[in-house]
């Protein structure tokens, strides 16, 4: 996963992202280090926050650009 790279590229401390997601800093650290799976909803929130696709965060693509939003949402 690219959580740590995305955060560090923007010089954002873990505590700031943890607060944004309403989780403890150590919980977010475990997500970054892949010691715990990040819940899907938090993954979606991070994709929105960083302006990238979930696939990019997961390392499934190198294309950062998010997908167009679905019309029914």
PDB file of N, CA and C in Angstrom:
ATOM      1  N   UNK A   1       0.837  -1.187   0.000  1.00  0.00           N
ATOM      2  CA  UNK A   1       0.000   0.000   0.000  1.00  0.00           C
ATOM      3  C   UNK A   1       0.873   1.238   0.000  1.00  0.00           C
ATOM      4  N   UNK A   2       0.285   2.310  -0.462  1.00  0.00           N
ATOM      5  CA  UNK A   2       1.028   3.560  -0.599  1.00  0.00           C
ATOM      6  C   UNK A   2       0.616   4.622   0.419  1.00  0.00           C
ATOM      7  N   UNK A   3       0.012   4.220   1.500  1.00  0.00           N
ATOM      8  CA  UNK A   3      -0.459   5.189   2.484  1.00  0.00           C
ATOM      9  C   UNK A   3       0.670   6.052   3.022  1.00  0.00           C
ATOM     10  N   UNK A   4       1.752   5.428   3.406  1.00  0.00           N
ATOM     11  CA  UNK A   4       2.875   6.171   3.985  1.00  0.00           C
ATOM     12  C   UNK A   4       3.480   7.131   2.960  1.00  0.00           C
ATOM     13  N   UNK A   5       3.678   6.669   1.731  1.00  0.00           N
ATOM     14  CA  UNK A   5       4.251   7.520   0.689  1.00  0.00           C
ATOM     15  C   UNK A   5       3.373   8.734   0.412  1.00  0.00           C
ATOM     16  N   UNK A   6       2.072   8.523   0.308  1.00  0.00           N
ATOM     17  CA  UNK A   6       1.157   9.640   0.062  1.00  0.00           C
ATOM     18  C   UNK A   6       1.214  10.664   1.190  1.00  0.00           C
ATOM     19  N   UNK A   7       1.228  10.175   2.409  1.00  0.00           N
ATOM     20  CA  UNK A   7       1.267  11.069   3.572  1.00  0.00           C
ATOM     21  C   UNK A   7       2.591  11.824   3.634  1.00  0.00           C
ATOM     22  N   UNK A   8       3.696  11.109   3.485  1.00  0.00           N
ATOM     23  CA  UNK A   8       5.012  11.744   3.593  1.00  0.00           C
ATOM     24  C   UNK A   8       5.280  12.711   2.443  1.00  0.00           C
ATOM     25  N   UNK A   9       4.780  12.421   1.250  1.00  0.00           N
ATOM     26  CA  UNK A   9       4.947  13.336   0.119  1.00  0.00           C
ATOM     27  C   UNK A   9       4.316  14.695   0.390  1.00  0.00           C
ATOM     28  N   UNK A  10       3.333  14.712   1.259  1.00  0.00           N
ATOM     29  CA  UNK A  10       2.634  15.960   1.598  1.00  0.00           C
ATOM     30  C   UNK A  10       3.056  16.516   2.957  1.00  0.00           C
ATOM     31  N   UNK A  11       4.049  15.887   3.569  1.00  0.00           N
ATOM     32  CA  UNK A  11       4.561  16.308   4.884  1.00  0.00           C
ATOM     33  C   UNK A  11       3.452  16.408   5.937  1.00  0.00           C
ATOM     34  N   UNK A  12       2.606  15.401   5.982  1.00  0.00           N
ATOM     35  CA  UNK A  12       1.508  15.362   6.941  1.00  0.00           C
ATOM     36  C   UNK A  12       1.858  14.340   8.018  1.00  0.00           C
ATOM     37  N   UNK A  13       1.798  14.737   9.286  1.00  0.00           N
ATOM     38  CA  UNK A  13       2.064  13.766  10.356  1.00  0.00           C
ATOM     39  C   UNK A  13       0.946  12.721  10.456  1.00  0.00           C
ATOM     40  N   UNK A  14       1.296  11.552  10.949  1.00  0.00           N
ATOM     41  CA  UNK A  14       0.302  10.488  11.134  1.00  0.00           C
ATOM     42  C   UNK A  14      -0.860  10.957  11.992  1.00  0.00           C
ATOM     43  N   UNK A  15      -0.579  11.725  13.017  1.00  0.00           N
ATOM     44  CA  UNK A  15      -1.643  12.153  13.936  1.00  0.00           C
ATOM     45  C   UNK A  15      -2.717  12.972  13.223  1.00  0.00           C
ATOM     46  N   UNK A  16      -2.329  13.721  12.186  1.00  0.00           N
ATOM     47  CA  UNK A  16      -3.293  14.530  11.432  1.00  0.00           C
ATOM     48  C   UNK A  16      -4.215  13.625  10.619  1.00  0.00           C
ATOM     49  N   UNK A  17      -3.641  12.645   9.946  1.00  0.00           N
ATOM     50  CA  UNK A  17      -4.463  11.706   9.166  1.00  0.00           C
ATOM     51  C   UNK A  17      -5.340  10.878  10.100  1.00  0.00           C
ATOM     52  N   UNK A  18      -4.781  10.461  11.219  1.00  0.00           N
ATOM     53  CA  UNK A  18      -5.565   9.688  12.190  1.00  0.00           C
ATOM     54  C   UNK A  18      -6.759  10.504  12.681  1.00  0.00           C
ATOM     55  N   UNK A  19      -6.541  11.772  12.983  1.00  0.00           N
ATOM     56  CA  UNK A  19      -7.637  12.626  13.432  1.00  0.00           C
ATOM     57  C   UNK A  19      -8.684  12.789  12.328  1.00  0.00           C
ATOM     58  N   UNK A  20      -8.245  12.946  11.090  1.00  0.00           N
ATOM     59  CA  UNK A  20      -9.160  13.068   9.955  1.00  0.00           C
ATOM     60  C   UNK A  20     -10.056  11.834   9.835  1.00  0.00           C
ATOM     61  N   UNK A  21      -9.469  10.665  10.105  1.00  0.00           N
ATOM     62  CA  UNK A  21     -10.214   9.407  10.001  1.00  0.00           C
ATOM     63  C   UNK A  21     -10.938   9.027  11.292  1.00  0.00           C
ATOM     64  N   UNK A  22     -10.726   9.811  12.353  1.00  0.00           N
ATOM     65  CA  UNK A  22     -11.323   9.548  13.661  1.00  0.00           C
ATOM     66  C   UNK A  22     -10.858   8.216  14.242  1.00  0.00           C
ATOM     67  N   UNK A  23      -9.547   7.968  14.125  1.00  0.00           N
ATOM     68  CA  UNK A  23      -8.934   6.788  14.731  1.00  0.00           C
ATOM     69  C   UNK A  23      -7.720   7.234  15.538  1.00  0.00           C
ATOM     70  N   UNK A  24      -7.232   6.364  16.392  1.00  0.00           N
ATOM     71  CA  UNK A  24      -6.025   6.650  17.161  1.00  0.00           C
ATOM     72  C   UNK A  24      -4.812   6.630  16.233  1.00  0.00           C
ATOM     73  N   UNK A  25      -3.777   7.382  16.597  1.00  0.00           N
ATOM     74  CA  UNK A  25      -2.564   7.450  15.787  1.00  0.00           C
ATOM     75  C   UNK A  25      -1.922   6.072  15.643  1.00  0.00           C
ATOM     76  N   UNK A  26      -1.900   5.295  16.733  1.00  0.00           N
ATOM     77  CA  UNK A  26      -1.281   3.967  16.643  1.00  0.00           C
ATOM     78  C   UNK A  26      -2.090   3.025  15.735  1.00  0.00           C
ATOM     79  N   UNK A  27      -3.383   3.212  15.671  1.00  0.00           N
ATOM     80  CA  UNK A  27      -4.216   2.425  14.759  1.00  0.00           C
ATOM     81  C   UNK A  27      -3.868   2.766  13.317  1.00  0.00           C
ATOM     82  N   UNK A  28      -3.757   4.062  13.037  1.00  0.00           N
ATOM     83  CA  UNK A  28      -3.393   4.470  11.679  1.00  0.00           C
ATOM     84  C   UNK A  28      -1.997   3.959  11.312  1.00  0.00           C
ATOM     85  N   UNK A  29      -1.086   3.987  12.264  1.00  0.00           N
ATOM     86  CA  UNK A  29       0.264   3.476  12.038  1.00  0.00           C
ATOM     87  C   UNK A  29       0.214   1.996  11.635  1.00  0.00           C
ATOM     88  N   UNK A  30      -0.659   1.250  12.270  1.00  0.00           N
ATOM     89  CA  UNK A  30      -0.807  -0.172  11.936  1.00  0.00           C
ATOM     90  C   UNK A  30      -1.361  -0.356  10.525  1.00  0.00           C
ATOM     91  N   UNK A  31      -2.222   0.557  10.072  1.00  0.00           N
ATOM     92  CA  UNK A  31      -2.712   0.503   8.695  1.00  0.00           C
ATOM     93  C   UNK A  31      -1.556   0.748   7.728  1.00  0.00           C
ATOM     94  N   UNK A  32      -0.760   1.778   8.007  1.00  0.00           N
ATOM     95  CA  UNK A  32       0.370   2.098   7.135  1.00  0.00           C
ATOM     96  C   UNK A  32       1.376   0.955   7.056  1.00  0.00           C
ATOM     97  N   UNK A  33       1.627   0.313   8.171  1.00  0.00           N
ATOM     98  CA  UNK A  33       2.607  -0.770   8.220  1.00  0.00           C
ATOM     99  C   UNK A  33       2.017  -2.127   7.835  1.00  0.00           C
ATOM    100  N   UNK A  34       0.744  -2.107   7.454  1.00  0.00           N
ATOM    101  CA  UNK A  34       0.018  -3.303   7.027  1.00  0.00           C
ATOM    102  C   UNK A  34      -0.028  -4.378   8.106  1.00  0.00           C
ATOM    103  N   UNK A  35      -0.070  -3.941   9.373  1.00  0.00           N
ATOM    104  CA  UNK A  35      -0.256  -4.858  10.487  1.00  0.00           C
ATOM    105  C   UNK A  35      -1.741  -5.130  10.740  1.00  0.00           C
ATOM    106  N   UNK A  36      -2.587  -4.210  10.273  1.00  0.00           N
ATOM    107  CA  UNK A  36      -4.044  -4.370  10.332  1.00  0.00           C
ATOM    108  C   UNK A  36      -4.610  -3.918   9.002  1.00  0.00           C
ATOM    109  N   UNK A  37      -5.689  -4.559   8.577  1.00  0.00           N
ATOM    110  CA  UNK A  37      -6.342  -4.141   7.343  1.00  0.00           C
ATOM    111  C   UNK A  37      -7.149  -2.885   7.598  1.00  0.00           C
ATOM    112  N   UNK A  38      -7.016  -1.945   6.684  1.00  0.00           N
ATOM    113  CA  UNK A  38      -7.779  -0.712   6.802  1.00  0.00           C
ATOM    114  C   UNK A  38      -9.215  -0.971   6.333  1.00  0.00           C
ATOM    115  N   UNK A  39     -10.200  -0.513   7.090  1.00  0.00           N
ATOM    116  CA  UNK A  39     -11.589  -0.685   6.656  1.00  0.00           C
ATOM    117  C   UNK A  39     -11.832   0.009   5.306  1.00  0.00           C
ATOM    118  N   UNK A  40     -12.699  -0.570   4.517  1.00  0.00           N
ATOM    119  CA  UNK A  40     -12.966  -0.049   3.175  1.00  0.00           C
ATOM    120  C   UNK A  40     -13.400   1.411   3.214  1.00  0.00           C
ATOM    121  N   UNK A  41     -14.266   1.768   4.146  1.00  0.00           N
ATOM    122  CA  UNK A  41     -14.754   3.147   4.198  1.00  0.00           C
ATOM    123  C   UNK A  41     -13.613   4.129   4.463  1.00  0.00           C
ATOM    124  N   UNK A  42     -12.654   3.748   5.306  1.00  0.00           N
ATOM    125  CA  UNK A  42     -11.511   4.623   5.563  1.00  0.00           C
ATOM    126  C   UNK A  42     -10.607   4.706   4.338  1.00  0.00           C
ATOM    127  N   UNK A  43     -10.482   3.624   3.620  1.00  0.00           N
ATOM    128  CA  UNK A  43      -9.703   3.614   2.390  1.00  0.00           C
ATOM    129  C   UNK A  43     -10.323   4.569   1.369  1.00  0.00           C
ATOM    130  N   UNK A  44     -11.623   4.549   1.265  1.00  0.00           N
ATOM    131  CA  UNK A  44     -12.336   5.461   0.364  1.00  0.00           C
ATOM    132  C   UNK A  44     -12.114   6.905   0.794  1.00  0.00           C
ATOM    133  N   UNK A  45     -12.204   7.166   2.088  1.00  0.00           N
ATOM    134  CA  UNK A  45     -11.988   8.528   2.596  1.00  0.00           C
ATOM    135  C   UNK A  45     -10.573   9.015   2.275  1.00  0.00           C
ATOM    136  N   UNK A  46      -9.588   8.148   2.400  1.00  0.00           N
ATOM    137  CA  UNK A  46      -8.210   8.537   2.088  1.00  0.00           C
ATOM    138  C   UNK A  46      -8.032   8.783   0.594  1.00  0.00           C
ATOM    139  N   UNK A  47      -8.682   7.988  -0.235  1.00  0.00           N
ATOM    140  CA  UNK A  47      -8.607   8.220  -1.680  1.00  0.00           C
ATOM    141  C   UNK A  47      -9.173   9.600  -2.019  1.00  0.00           C
ATOM    142  N   UNK A  48     -10.276   9.963  -1.400  1.00  0.00           N
ATOM    143  CA  UNK A  48     -10.860  11.296  -1.610  1.00  0.00           C
ATOM    144  C   UNK A  48      -9.917  12.378  -1.087  1.00  0.00           C
ATOM    145  N   UNK A  49      -9.370  12.168   0.102  1.00  0.00           N
ATOM    146  CA  UNK A  49      -8.477  13.142   0.730  1.00  0.00           C
ATOM    147  C   UNK A  49      -7.269  13.433  -0.157  1.00  0.00           C
ATOM    148  N   UNK A  50      -6.652  12.378  -0.680  1.00  0.00           N
ATOM    149  CA  UNK A  50      -5.450  12.531  -1.494  1.00  0.00           C
ATOM    150  C   UNK A  50      -5.746  12.777  -2.974  1.00  0.00           C
ATOM    151  N   UNK A  51      -6.991  12.610  -3.389  1.00  0.00           N
ATOM    152  CA  UNK A  51      -7.345  12.825  -4.788  1.00  0.00           C
ATOM    153  C   UNK A  51      -6.793  11.756  -5.714  1.00  0.00           C
ATOM    154  N   UNK A  52      -6.798  10.525  -5.226  1.00  0.00           N
ATOM    155  CA  UNK A  52      -6.300   9.391  -6.011  1.00  0.00           C
ATOM    156  C   UNK A  52      -7.347   8.285  -5.983  1.00  0.00           C
ATOM    157  N   UNK A  53      -7.121   7.240  -6.764  1.00  0.00           N
ATOM    158  CA  UNK A  53      -8.045   6.106  -6.737  1.00  0.00           C
ATOM    159  C   UNK A  53      -7.652   5.140  -5.622  1.00  0.00           C
ATOM    160  N   UNK A  54      -8.598   4.353  -5.190  1.00  0.00           N
ATOM    161  CA  UNK A  54      -8.323   3.301  -4.217  1.00  0.00           C
ATOM    162  C   UNK A  54      -7.323   2.309  -4.810  1.00  0.00           C
ATOM    163  N   UNK A  55      -7.448   2.036  -6.093  1.00  0.00           N
ATOM    164  CA  UNK A  55      -6.507   1.133  -6.757  1.00  0.00           C
ATOM    165  C   UNK A  55      -5.073   1.658  -6.657  1.00  0.00           C
ATOM    166  N   UNK A  56      -4.902   2.973  -6.757  1.00  0.00           N
ATOM    167  CA  UNK A  56      -3.563   3.554  -6.631  1.00  0.00           C
ATOM    168  C   UNK A  56      -3.019   3.327  -5.217  1.00  0.00           C
ATOM    169  N   UNK A  57      -3.840   3.592  -4.215  1.00  0.00           N
ATOM    170  CA  UNK A  57      -3.408   3.387  -2.827  1.00  0.00           C
ATOM    171  C   UNK A  57      -2.998   1.944  -2.604  1.00  0.00           C
ATOM    172  N   UNK A  58      -3.762   1.016  -3.169  1.00  0.00           N
ATOM    173  CA  UNK A  58      -3.492  -0.408  -2.988  1.00  0.00           C
ATOM    174  C   UNK A  58      -2.338  -0.922  -3.843  1.00  0.00           C
ATOM    175  N   UNK A  59      -1.836  -0.092  -4.747  1.00  0.00           N
ATOM    176  CA  UNK A  59      -0.725  -0.496  -5.596  1.00  0.00           C
ATOM    177  C   UNK A  59      -1.148  -1.329  -6.794  1.00  0.00           C
ATOM    178  N   UNK A  60      -2.430  -1.276  -7.152  1.00  0.00           N
ATOM    179  CA  UNK A  60      -2.927  -2.043  -8.295  1.00  0.00           C
ATOM    180  C   UNK A  60      -2.725  -1.311  -9.613  1.00  0.00           C
ATOM    181  N   UNK A  61      -2.455  -0.012  -9.545  1.00  0.00           N
ATOM    182  CA  UNK A  61      -2.193   0.808 -10.731  1.00  0.00           C
ATOM    183  C   UNK A  61      -1.199   1.891 -10.353  1.00  0.00           C
ATOM    184  N   UNK A  62      -0.518   2.417 -11.342  1.00  0.00           N
ATOM    185  CA  UNK A  62       0.377   3.552 -11.128  1.00  0.00           C
ATOM    186  C   UNK A  62      -0.280   4.864 -11.536  1.00  0.00           C
ATOM    187  N   UNK A  63      -1.525   4.802 -11.975  1.00  0.00           N
ATOM    188  CA  UNK A  63      -2.275   5.991 -12.368  1.00  0.00           C
ATOM    189  C   UNK A  63      -2.916   6.582 -11.123  1.00  0.00           C
ATOM    190  N   UNK A  64      -2.530   7.804 -10.780  1.00  0.00           N
ATOM    191  CA  UNK A  64      -3.047   8.438  -9.564  1.00  0.00           C
ATOM    192  C   UNK A  64      -4.472   8.961  -9.716  1.00  0.00           C
ATOM    193  N   UNK A  65      -4.823   9.392 -10.908  1.00  0.00           N
ATOM    194  CA  UNK A  65      -6.105  10.055 -11.137  1.00  0.00           C
ATOM    195  C   UNK A  65      -7.274   9.174 -10.695  1.00  0.00           C
ATOM    196  N   UNK A  66      -8.177   9.727  -9.886  1.00  0.00           N
ATOM    197  CA  UNK A  66      -9.346   8.930  -9.466  1.00  0.00           C
ATOM    198  C   UNK A  66     -10.301   8.708 -10.634  1.00  0.00           C
ATOM    199  N   UNK A  67     -11.114   7.696 -10.488  1.00  0.00           N
ATOM    200  CA  UNK A  67     -12.119   7.389 -11.493  1.00  0.00           C
ATOM    201  C   UNK A  67     -13.214   8.448 -11.466  1.00  0.00           C
ATOM    202  N   UNK A  68     -13.907   8.646 -12.579  1.00  0.00           N
ATOM    203  CA  UNK A  68     -15.064   9.563 -12.560  1.00  0.00           C
ATOM    204  C   UNK A  68     -16.132   9.016 -11.603  1.00  0.00           C
ATOM    205  N   UNK A  69     -16.830   9.915 -10.945  1.00  0.00           N
ATOM    206  CA  UNK A  69     -17.891   9.496 -10.011  1.00  0.00           C
ATOM    207  C   UNK A  69     -19.052   8.882 -10.773  1.00  0.00           C
ATOM    208  N   UNK A  70     -19.678   7.901 -10.144  1.00  0.00           N
ATOM    209  CA  UNK A  70     -20.863   7.269 -10.728  1.00  0.00           C
ATOM    210  C   UNK A  70     -22.001   8.263 -10.759  1.00  0.00           C
ATOM    211  N   UNK A  71     -22.848   8.184 -11.769  1.00  0.00           N
ATOM    212  CA  UNK A  71     -23.953   9.135 -11.921  1.00  0.00           C
ATOM    213  C   UNK A  71     -25.019   8.970 -10.845  1.00  0.00           C
ATOM    214  N   UNK A  72     -25.175   7.767 -10.288  1.00  0.00           N
ATOM    215  CA  UNK A  72     -26.239   7.539  -9.316  1.00  0.00           C
ATOM    216  C   UNK A  72     -25.802   7.847  -7.894  1.00  0.00           C
ATOM    217  N   UNK A  73     -24.660   8.460  -7.687  1.00  0.00           N
ATOM    218  CA  UNK A  73     -24.195   8.759  -6.335  1.00  0.00           C
ATOM    219  C   UNK A  73     -24.246  10.204  -6.054  1.00  0.00           C
TER     220      UNK A  73
END
